[in-house]
Amino acid sequence: MKALLNWIKVQLDQDNTFKNIEIIPSQNFVPDGKGFPCAGILDRGLDNAHKKTQSIQRLSVDIIVYQSIRLSDESSMMGSAVKTGILDLADKVVGYLSALPDGYHDFTYSGHGPSTPLTNDYQRFIVFKALHFKYSRLKT
C-alpha cells in the first residue's frame, strides 16, 4: 500500500495544481500549511480475491480534493480565470491517475461523492470532494 500511496502522490504533483498533497487518516483532516487547492490521499484498505489459479489484491484509495470557499462565490465549485473549481480539480485527478503503476494490472475509478462543506481550525470554509479508486495486482 505504501508504494501505491507514494506513486499517487507523485502523479498528483505533475503540474503544481495542488499547493499541498499529503497522505491523510480521514477526509476531515485537511492538508495543512500551504493554501488551496490541496489534496489528501486516503488508504481505504485492501481485499483479496481468489480465482482458480491466482490470488488478486485490490487496494482501495480515496483522493480528497479541497478548495476554499467564499459565501456567494461559485468559483470554488465552477472555477474562474484565477481559481480552479472543485469540479475541475476532480477531473484533473482522474486524468492524473488514468495510468497504472508498475506491478498493477487494473484500476477502477468508481466515481465521486458530493461536494461537501466543512470548516477547519481557523474557521475557514472549505469544500471537498472524495474520488474513489481501486487498483488490482497479483498477490505475491
N, C-alpha and C. Protein backbone atom coordinates (compact mmCIF):
# COMPACT_ATOMS: atom_id res chain seq x y z
N MET A 1 0.83 -1.20 0.00
CA MET A 1 0.00 0.00 0.00
C MET A 1 0.88 1.26 0.00
N LYS A 2 1.98 1.24 0.76
CA LYS A 2 2.84 2.43 0.82
C LYS A 2 3.33 2.86 -0.55
N ALA A 3 3.78 1.89 -1.33
CA ALA A 3 4.30 2.22 -2.67
C ALA A 3 3.20 2.84 -3.54
N LEU A 4 1.98 2.32 -3.46
CA LEU A 4 0.87 2.86 -4.24
C LEU A 4 0.56 4.29 -3.80
N LEU A 5 0.51 4.53 -2.49
CA LEU A 5 0.22 5.88 -1.99
C LEU A 5 1.28 6.88 -2.44
N ASN A 6 2.55 6.45 -2.39
CA ASN A 6 3.62 7.34 -2.85
C ASN A 6 3.54 7.60 -4.35
N TRP A 7 3.21 6.56 -5.14
CA TRP A 7 3.05 6.73 -6.59
C TRP A 7 1.94 7.74 -6.89
N ILE A 8 0.82 7.63 -6.18
CA ILE A 8 -0.29 8.56 -6.38
C ILE A 8 0.14 9.98 -6.06
N LYS A 9 0.88 10.15 -4.98
CA LYS A 9 1.35 11.48 -4.60
C LYS A 9 2.19 12.11 -5.72
N VAL A 10 3.07 11.33 -6.32
CA VAL A 10 3.89 11.82 -7.43
C VAL A 10 3.01 12.19 -8.62
N GLN A 11 2.03 11.36 -8.94
CA GLN A 11 1.14 11.63 -10.07
C GLN A 11 0.36 12.93 -9.87
N LEU A 12 -0.10 13.18 -8.65
CA LEU A 12 -0.88 14.38 -8.38
C LEU A 12 -0.05 15.65 -8.41
N ASP A 13 1.26 15.50 -8.29
CA ASP A 13 2.14 16.66 -8.22
C ASP A 13 2.73 17.03 -9.59
N GLN A 14 2.10 16.60 -10.68
CA GLN A 14 2.66 16.79 -12.02
C GLN A 14 2.76 18.24 -12.46
N ASP A 15 1.77 19.06 -12.19
CA ASP A 15 1.77 20.41 -12.76
C ASP A 15 1.52 21.51 -11.73
N ASN A 16 1.76 21.21 -10.48
CA ASN A 16 1.60 22.19 -9.39
C ASN A 16 0.17 22.72 -9.25
N THR A 17 -0.81 21.92 -9.66
CA THR A 17 -2.21 22.30 -9.43
C THR A 17 -2.48 22.43 -7.95
N PHE A 18 -1.95 21.47 -7.17
CA PHE A 18 -2.21 21.43 -5.73
C PHE A 18 -1.06 22.07 -4.97
N LYS A 19 -1.39 22.93 -4.03
CA LYS A 19 -0.38 23.60 -3.21
C LYS A 19 0.23 22.65 -2.18
N ASN A 20 -0.52 21.60 -1.82
CA ASN A 20 -0.05 20.63 -0.84
C ASN A 20 -0.75 19.30 -1.12
N ILE A 21 -0.01 18.20 -1.01
CA ILE A 21 -0.55 16.86 -1.18
C ILE A 21 -0.01 16.02 -0.04
N GLU A 22 -0.91 15.42 0.74
CA GLU A 22 -0.48 14.62 1.89
C GLU A 22 -1.28 13.33 1.98
N ILE A 23 -0.65 12.32 2.60
CA ILE A 23 -1.35 11.11 2.98
C ILE A 23 -2.10 11.47 4.28
N ILE A 24 -3.40 11.23 4.33
CA ILE A 24 -4.21 11.66 5.48
C ILE A 24 -4.95 10.49 6.11
N PRO A 25 -5.29 10.58 7.41
CA PRO A 25 -6.00 9.49 8.08
C PRO A 25 -7.53 9.55 7.93
N SER A 26 -8.05 10.70 7.49
CA SER A 26 -9.50 10.88 7.37
C SER A 26 -9.76 12.04 6.42
N GLN A 27 -10.89 12.01 5.74
CA GLN A 27 -11.20 13.11 4.82
C GLN A 27 -11.41 14.43 5.55
N ASN A 28 -11.61 14.39 6.86
CA ASN A 28 -11.77 15.61 7.64
C ASN A 28 -10.44 16.24 8.06
N PHE A 29 -9.33 15.60 7.76
CA PHE A 29 -8.01 16.15 8.04
C PHE A 29 -7.50 16.87 6.79
N VAL A 30 -7.67 18.16 6.74
CA VAL A 30 -7.28 18.95 5.57
C VAL A 30 -5.76 19.13 5.59
N PRO A 31 -5.06 18.82 4.49
CA PRO A 31 -3.61 19.07 4.46
C PRO A 31 -3.30 20.51 4.83
N ASP A 32 -2.31 20.69 5.66
CA ASP A 32 -2.08 21.97 6.32
C ASP A 32 -0.98 22.78 5.68
N GLY A 33 -1.07 24.07 5.83
CA GLY A 33 0.06 24.94 5.71
C GLY A 33 0.36 25.67 4.42
N LYS A 34 -0.05 25.18 3.27
CA LYS A 34 0.41 25.82 2.05
C LYS A 34 -0.71 26.43 1.22
N GLY A 35 -1.93 26.39 1.69
CA GLY A 35 -3.03 27.01 0.97
C GLY A 35 -3.85 26.04 0.15
N PHE A 36 -4.67 26.60 -0.72
CA PHE A 36 -5.63 25.83 -1.51
C PHE A 36 -5.41 26.12 -2.99
N PRO A 37 -5.75 25.17 -3.84
CA PRO A 37 -6.32 23.87 -3.56
C PRO A 37 -5.26 22.90 -3.03
N CYS A 38 -5.72 21.89 -2.31
CA CYS A 38 -4.83 20.85 -1.82
C CYS A 38 -5.52 19.50 -1.97
N ALA A 39 -4.75 18.44 -1.76
CA ALA A 39 -5.29 17.09 -1.93
C ALA A 39 -4.81 16.19 -0.81
N GLY A 40 -5.68 15.29 -0.41
CA GLY A 40 -5.34 14.26 0.57
C GLY A 40 -5.50 12.89 -0.07
N ILE A 41 -4.63 11.98 0.31
CA ILE A 41 -4.67 10.60 -0.18
C ILE A 41 -5.02 9.72 1.01
N LEU A 42 -6.10 8.98 0.88
CA LEU A 42 -6.65 8.22 2.00
C LEU A 42 -6.64 6.73 1.68
N ASP A 43 -5.93 5.96 2.50
CA ASP A 43 -5.88 4.50 2.39
C ASP A 43 -7.24 3.94 2.83
N ARG A 44 -7.93 3.23 1.93
CA ARG A 44 -9.25 2.67 2.24
C ARG A 44 -9.19 1.16 2.42
N GLY A 45 -7.97 0.61 2.51
CA GLY A 45 -7.83 -0.82 2.78
C GLY A 45 -7.64 -1.66 1.53
N LEU A 46 -7.55 -2.98 1.75
CA LEU A 46 -7.40 -3.90 0.64
C LEU A 46 -8.23 -5.14 0.89
N ASP A 47 -8.57 -5.81 -0.19
CA ASP A 47 -9.24 -7.10 -0.07
C ASP A 47 -8.60 -8.07 -1.04
N ASN A 48 -8.73 -9.34 -0.73
CA ASN A 48 -8.14 -10.40 -1.54
C ASN A 48 -9.24 -11.17 -2.26
N ALA A 49 -9.03 -11.42 -3.54
CA ALA A 49 -9.95 -12.23 -4.33
C ALA A 49 -9.17 -13.44 -4.83
N HIS A 50 -9.76 -14.60 -4.71
CA HIS A 50 -9.10 -15.83 -5.14
C HIS A 50 -9.81 -16.39 -6.36
N LYS A 51 -9.02 -16.58 -7.41
CA LYS A 51 -9.53 -17.24 -8.61
C LYS A 51 -8.89 -18.62 -8.67
N LYS A 52 -9.21 -19.39 -9.68
CA LYS A 52 -8.74 -20.78 -9.75
C LYS A 52 -7.23 -20.91 -9.60
N THR A 53 -6.48 -20.08 -10.30
CA THR A 53 -5.02 -20.26 -10.31
C THR A 53 -4.24 -19.09 -9.70
N GLN A 54 -4.94 -18.04 -9.24
CA GLN A 54 -4.20 -16.90 -8.73
C GLN A 54 -5.01 -16.14 -7.68
N SER A 55 -4.28 -15.38 -6.90
CA SER A 55 -4.90 -14.50 -5.91
C SER A 55 -4.65 -13.06 -6.33
N ILE A 56 -5.66 -12.24 -6.19
CA ILE A 56 -5.57 -10.84 -6.59
C ILE A 56 -5.84 -9.97 -5.38
N GLN A 57 -5.02 -8.96 -5.20
CA GLN A 57 -5.25 -7.95 -4.17
C GLN A 57 -5.85 -6.71 -4.82
N ARG A 58 -6.91 -6.19 -4.19
CA ARG A 58 -7.49 -4.92 -4.65
C ARG A 58 -7.29 -3.90 -3.54
N LEU A 59 -6.57 -2.84 -3.86
CA LEU A 59 -6.27 -1.78 -2.91
C LEU A 59 -7.16 -0.59 -3.21
N SER A 60 -7.87 -0.13 -2.19
CA SER A 60 -8.81 0.99 -2.35
C SER A 60 -8.18 2.26 -1.81
N VAL A 61 -8.32 3.32 -2.59
CA VAL A 61 -7.75 4.62 -2.23
C VAL A 61 -8.78 5.70 -2.57
N ASP A 62 -8.95 6.64 -1.67
CA ASP A 62 -9.74 7.84 -1.98
C ASP A 62 -8.79 9.01 -2.12
N ILE A 63 -9.04 9.82 -3.12
CA ILE A 63 -8.34 11.09 -3.27
C ILE A 63 -9.35 12.17 -2.90
N ILE A 64 -9.00 12.98 -1.92
CA ILE A 64 -9.88 14.05 -1.46
C ILE A 64 -9.29 15.36 -1.95
N VAL A 65 -10.07 16.11 -2.73
CA VAL A 65 -9.62 17.42 -3.19
C VAL A 65 -10.34 18.48 -2.37
N TYR A 66 -9.60 19.51 -1.99
CA TYR A 66 -10.11 20.58 -1.13
C TYR A 66 -9.91 21.92 -1.82
N GLN A 67 -10.88 22.81 -1.66
CA GLN A 67 -10.78 24.17 -2.16
C GLN A 67 -11.44 25.09 -1.14
N SER A 68 -10.89 26.28 -0.98
CA SER A 68 -11.50 27.25 -0.06
C SER A 68 -12.77 27.81 -0.71
N ILE A 69 -13.71 28.21 0.12
CA ILE A 69 -14.95 28.79 -0.40
C ILE A 69 -15.20 30.15 0.23
N ARG A 70 -15.80 30.98 -0.56
CA ARG A 70 -16.36 32.24 -0.06
C ARG A 70 -17.85 32.16 -0.29
N LEU A 71 -18.59 32.65 0.69
CA LEU A 71 -20.03 32.64 0.53
C LEU A 71 -20.42 33.48 -0.68
N SER A 72 -21.39 33.05 -1.38
CA SER A 72 -21.93 33.71 -2.58
C SER A 72 -20.89 33.84 -3.71
N ASP A 73 -19.95 32.90 -3.77
CA ASP A 73 -18.96 32.89 -4.84
C ASP A 73 -18.90 31.49 -5.42
N GLU A 74 -19.43 31.32 -6.61
CA GLU A 74 -19.49 29.98 -7.19
C GLU A 74 -18.18 29.53 -7.82
N SER A 75 -17.14 30.36 -7.82
CA SER A 75 -15.87 29.96 -8.43
C SER A 75 -15.22 28.78 -7.69
N SER A 76 -15.53 28.59 -6.41
CA SER A 76 -15.00 27.44 -5.68
C SER A 76 -15.51 26.13 -6.27
N MET A 77 -16.70 26.17 -6.82
CA MET A 77 -17.29 24.99 -7.44
C MET A 77 -17.00 24.93 -8.94
N MET A 78 -17.25 26.03 -9.62
CA MET A 78 -17.23 26.06 -11.07
C MET A 78 -15.90 26.51 -11.67
N GLY A 79 -15.07 27.15 -10.88
CA GLY A 79 -13.81 27.67 -11.37
C GLY A 79 -13.96 29.04 -12.00
N SER A 80 -12.83 29.68 -12.22
CA SER A 80 -12.80 31.00 -12.85
C SER A 80 -11.44 31.16 -13.52
N ALA A 81 -11.18 32.34 -14.04
CA ALA A 81 -9.88 32.60 -14.68
C ALA A 81 -8.73 32.51 -13.68
N VAL A 82 -9.01 32.74 -12.40
CA VAL A 82 -7.94 32.75 -11.39
C VAL A 82 -8.05 31.64 -10.35
N LYS A 83 -9.11 30.83 -10.40
CA LYS A 83 -9.32 29.81 -9.38
C LYS A 83 -9.79 28.52 -10.04
N THR A 84 -9.17 27.41 -9.67
CA THR A 84 -9.60 26.11 -10.17
C THR A 84 -10.72 25.59 -9.27
N GLY A 85 -11.88 25.37 -9.83
CA GLY A 85 -13.03 24.89 -9.07
C GLY A 85 -12.90 23.43 -8.68
N ILE A 86 -13.68 23.02 -7.69
CA ILE A 86 -13.63 21.66 -7.17
C ILE A 86 -13.98 20.63 -8.26
N LEU A 87 -14.89 20.98 -9.17
CA LEU A 87 -15.26 20.05 -10.24
C LEU A 87 -14.11 19.85 -11.22
N ASP A 88 -13.38 20.92 -11.53
CA ASP A 88 -12.20 20.81 -12.39
C ASP A 88 -11.08 20.05 -11.71
N LEU A 89 -10.92 20.25 -10.40
CA LEU A 89 -9.90 19.51 -9.66
C LEU A 89 -10.18 18.01 -9.73
N ALA A 90 -11.45 17.63 -9.57
CA ALA A 90 -11.82 16.21 -9.65
C ALA A 90 -11.47 15.65 -11.02
N ASP A 91 -11.78 16.38 -12.08
CA ASP A 91 -11.46 15.92 -13.43
C ASP A 91 -9.95 15.76 -13.62
N LYS A 92 -9.17 16.68 -13.08
CA LYS A 92 -7.71 16.59 -13.20
C LYS A 92 -7.17 15.33 -12.51
N VAL A 93 -7.70 15.04 -11.32
CA VAL A 93 -7.24 13.85 -10.58
C VAL A 93 -7.49 12.59 -11.40
N VAL A 94 -8.67 12.47 -11.98
CA VAL A 94 -8.98 11.30 -12.80
C VAL A 94 -7.99 11.20 -13.96
N GLY A 95 -7.66 12.30 -14.58
CA GLY A 95 -6.67 12.30 -15.65
C GLY A 95 -5.29 11.89 -15.18
N TYR A 96 -4.86 12.42 -14.03
CA TYR A 96 -3.54 12.09 -13.49
C TYR A 96 -3.41 10.59 -13.18
N LEU A 97 -4.50 10.00 -12.71
CA LEU A 97 -4.44 8.62 -12.22
C LEU A 97 -4.95 7.60 -13.24
N SER A 98 -5.01 7.98 -14.51
CA SER A 98 -5.51 7.06 -15.52
C SER A 98 -4.46 6.04 -15.97
N ALA A 99 -3.22 6.24 -15.60
CA ALA A 99 -2.16 5.27 -15.89
C ALA A 99 -2.09 4.25 -14.76
N LEU A 100 -1.41 3.15 -15.01
CA LEU A 100 -1.23 2.13 -13.97
C LEU A 100 0.19 2.17 -13.42
N PRO A 101 0.34 2.07 -12.11
CA PRO A 101 1.70 1.95 -11.56
C PRO A 101 2.28 0.57 -11.88
N ASP A 102 3.59 0.47 -11.85
CA ASP A 102 4.25 -0.82 -12.09
C ASP A 102 3.72 -1.88 -11.12
N GLY A 103 3.49 -3.06 -11.65
CA GLY A 103 3.04 -4.17 -10.81
C GLY A 103 1.54 -4.30 -10.69
N TYR A 104 0.79 -3.37 -11.23
CA TYR A 104 -0.67 -3.41 -11.16
C TYR A 104 -1.22 -3.70 -12.55
N HIS A 105 -2.30 -4.48 -12.61
CA HIS A 105 -2.83 -4.84 -13.91
C HIS A 105 -4.20 -4.23 -14.20
N ASP A 106 -4.79 -3.53 -13.25
CA ASP A 106 -6.11 -2.95 -13.48
C ASP A 106 -6.38 -1.87 -12.44
N PHE A 107 -7.19 -0.89 -12.83
CA PHE A 107 -7.69 0.07 -11.87
C PHE A 107 -9.10 0.44 -12.25
N THR A 108 -9.86 0.86 -11.27
CA THR A 108 -11.23 1.29 -11.47
C THR A 108 -11.44 2.62 -10.78
N TYR A 109 -11.98 3.56 -11.51
CA TYR A 109 -12.46 4.80 -10.90
C TYR A 109 -13.95 4.62 -10.75
N SER A 110 -14.42 4.52 -9.52
CA SER A 110 -15.84 4.21 -9.31
C SER A 110 -16.70 5.44 -9.06
N GLY A 111 -16.13 6.62 -9.27
CA GLY A 111 -16.92 7.83 -9.13
C GLY A 111 -16.51 8.66 -7.94
N HIS A 112 -17.32 9.66 -7.63
CA HIS A 112 -17.00 10.54 -6.51
C HIS A 112 -18.28 10.91 -5.76
N GLY A 113 -18.07 11.31 -4.53
CA GLY A 113 -19.18 11.75 -3.70
C GLY A 113 -19.56 13.19 -3.99
N PRO A 114 -20.55 13.68 -3.27
CA PRO A 114 -20.97 15.07 -3.48
C PRO A 114 -19.92 16.05 -2.94
N SER A 115 -19.98 17.26 -3.42
CA SER A 115 -19.16 18.32 -2.84
C SER A 115 -19.70 18.60 -1.46
N THR A 116 -18.80 18.62 -0.47
CA THR A 116 -19.22 18.71 0.93
C THR A 116 -18.48 19.84 1.62
N PRO A 117 -19.19 20.74 2.30
CA PRO A 117 -18.51 21.82 3.02
C PRO A 117 -18.05 21.37 4.40
N LEU A 118 -17.01 22.02 4.90
CA LEU A 118 -16.56 21.86 6.29
C LEU A 118 -15.78 23.09 6.67
N THR A 119 -15.46 23.23 7.96
CA THR A 119 -14.60 24.32 8.40
C THR A 119 -13.34 23.71 9.01
N ASN A 120 -12.23 24.44 8.91
CA ASN A 120 -11.01 23.96 9.53
C ASN A 120 -10.78 24.68 10.85
N ASP A 121 -9.62 24.46 11.46
CA ASP A 121 -9.31 25.05 12.77
C ASP A 121 -9.31 26.57 12.76
N TYR A 122 -9.14 27.16 11.59
CA TYR A 122 -9.06 28.61 11.50
C TYR A 122 -10.41 29.22 11.11
N GLN A 123 -11.48 28.41 11.20
CA GLN A 123 -12.83 28.84 10.85
C GLN A 123 -12.93 29.29 9.40
N ARG A 124 -12.13 28.68 8.56
CA ARG A 124 -12.17 28.96 7.13
C ARG A 124 -13.10 27.93 6.50
N PHE A 125 -13.94 28.36 5.60
CA PHE A 125 -14.84 27.43 4.94
C PHE A 125 -14.14 26.77 3.77
N ILE A 126 -14.36 25.47 3.68
CA ILE A 126 -13.70 24.63 2.70
C ILE A 126 -14.75 23.72 2.07
N VAL A 127 -14.55 23.38 0.82
CA VAL A 127 -15.38 22.36 0.18
C VAL A 127 -14.44 21.23 -0.24
N PHE A 128 -14.92 19.98 -0.06
CA PHE A 128 -14.11 18.86 -0.51
C PHE A 128 -14.96 17.88 -1.31
N LYS A 129 -14.27 17.07 -2.07
CA LYS A 129 -14.90 16.03 -2.88
C LYS A 129 -14.00 14.81 -2.81
N ALA A 130 -14.58 13.65 -2.52
CA ALA A 130 -13.84 12.38 -2.43
C ALA A 130 -14.01 11.59 -3.72
N LEU A 131 -12.89 11.18 -4.32
CA LEU A 131 -12.88 10.36 -5.53
C LEU A 131 -12.40 8.96 -5.15
N HIS A 132 -13.06 7.93 -5.66
CA HIS A 132 -12.83 6.56 -5.23
C HIS A 132 -12.15 5.74 -6.33
N PHE A 133 -11.00 5.14 -5.97
CA PHE A 133 -10.22 4.33 -6.91
C PHE A 133 -9.91 2.97 -6.29
N LYS A 134 -9.82 1.95 -7.15
CA LYS A 134 -9.33 0.63 -6.74
C LYS A 134 -8.26 0.19 -7.73
N TYR A 135 -7.15 -0.30 -7.20
CA TYR A 135 -6.05 -0.81 -8.01
C TYR A 135 -5.89 -2.30 -7.72
N SER A 136 -5.68 -3.10 -8.76
CA SER A 136 -5.56 -4.54 -8.61
C SER A 136 -4.18 -5.02 -9.03
N ARG A 137 -3.69 -6.00 -8.28
CA ARG A 137 -2.39 -6.62 -8.60
C ARG A 137 -2.44 -8.08 -8.19
N LEU A 138 -1.57 -8.89 -8.79
CA LEU A 138 -1.46 -10.28 -8.37
C LEU A 138 -0.79 -10.33 -7.01
N LYS A 139 -1.33 -11.15 -6.15
CA LYS A 139 -0.75 -11.30 -4.81
C LYS A 139 0.48 -12.18 -4.90
N THR A 140 1.55 -11.70 -4.30
CA THR A 140 2.80 -12.47 -4.35
C THR A 140 3.11 -13.08 -3.01
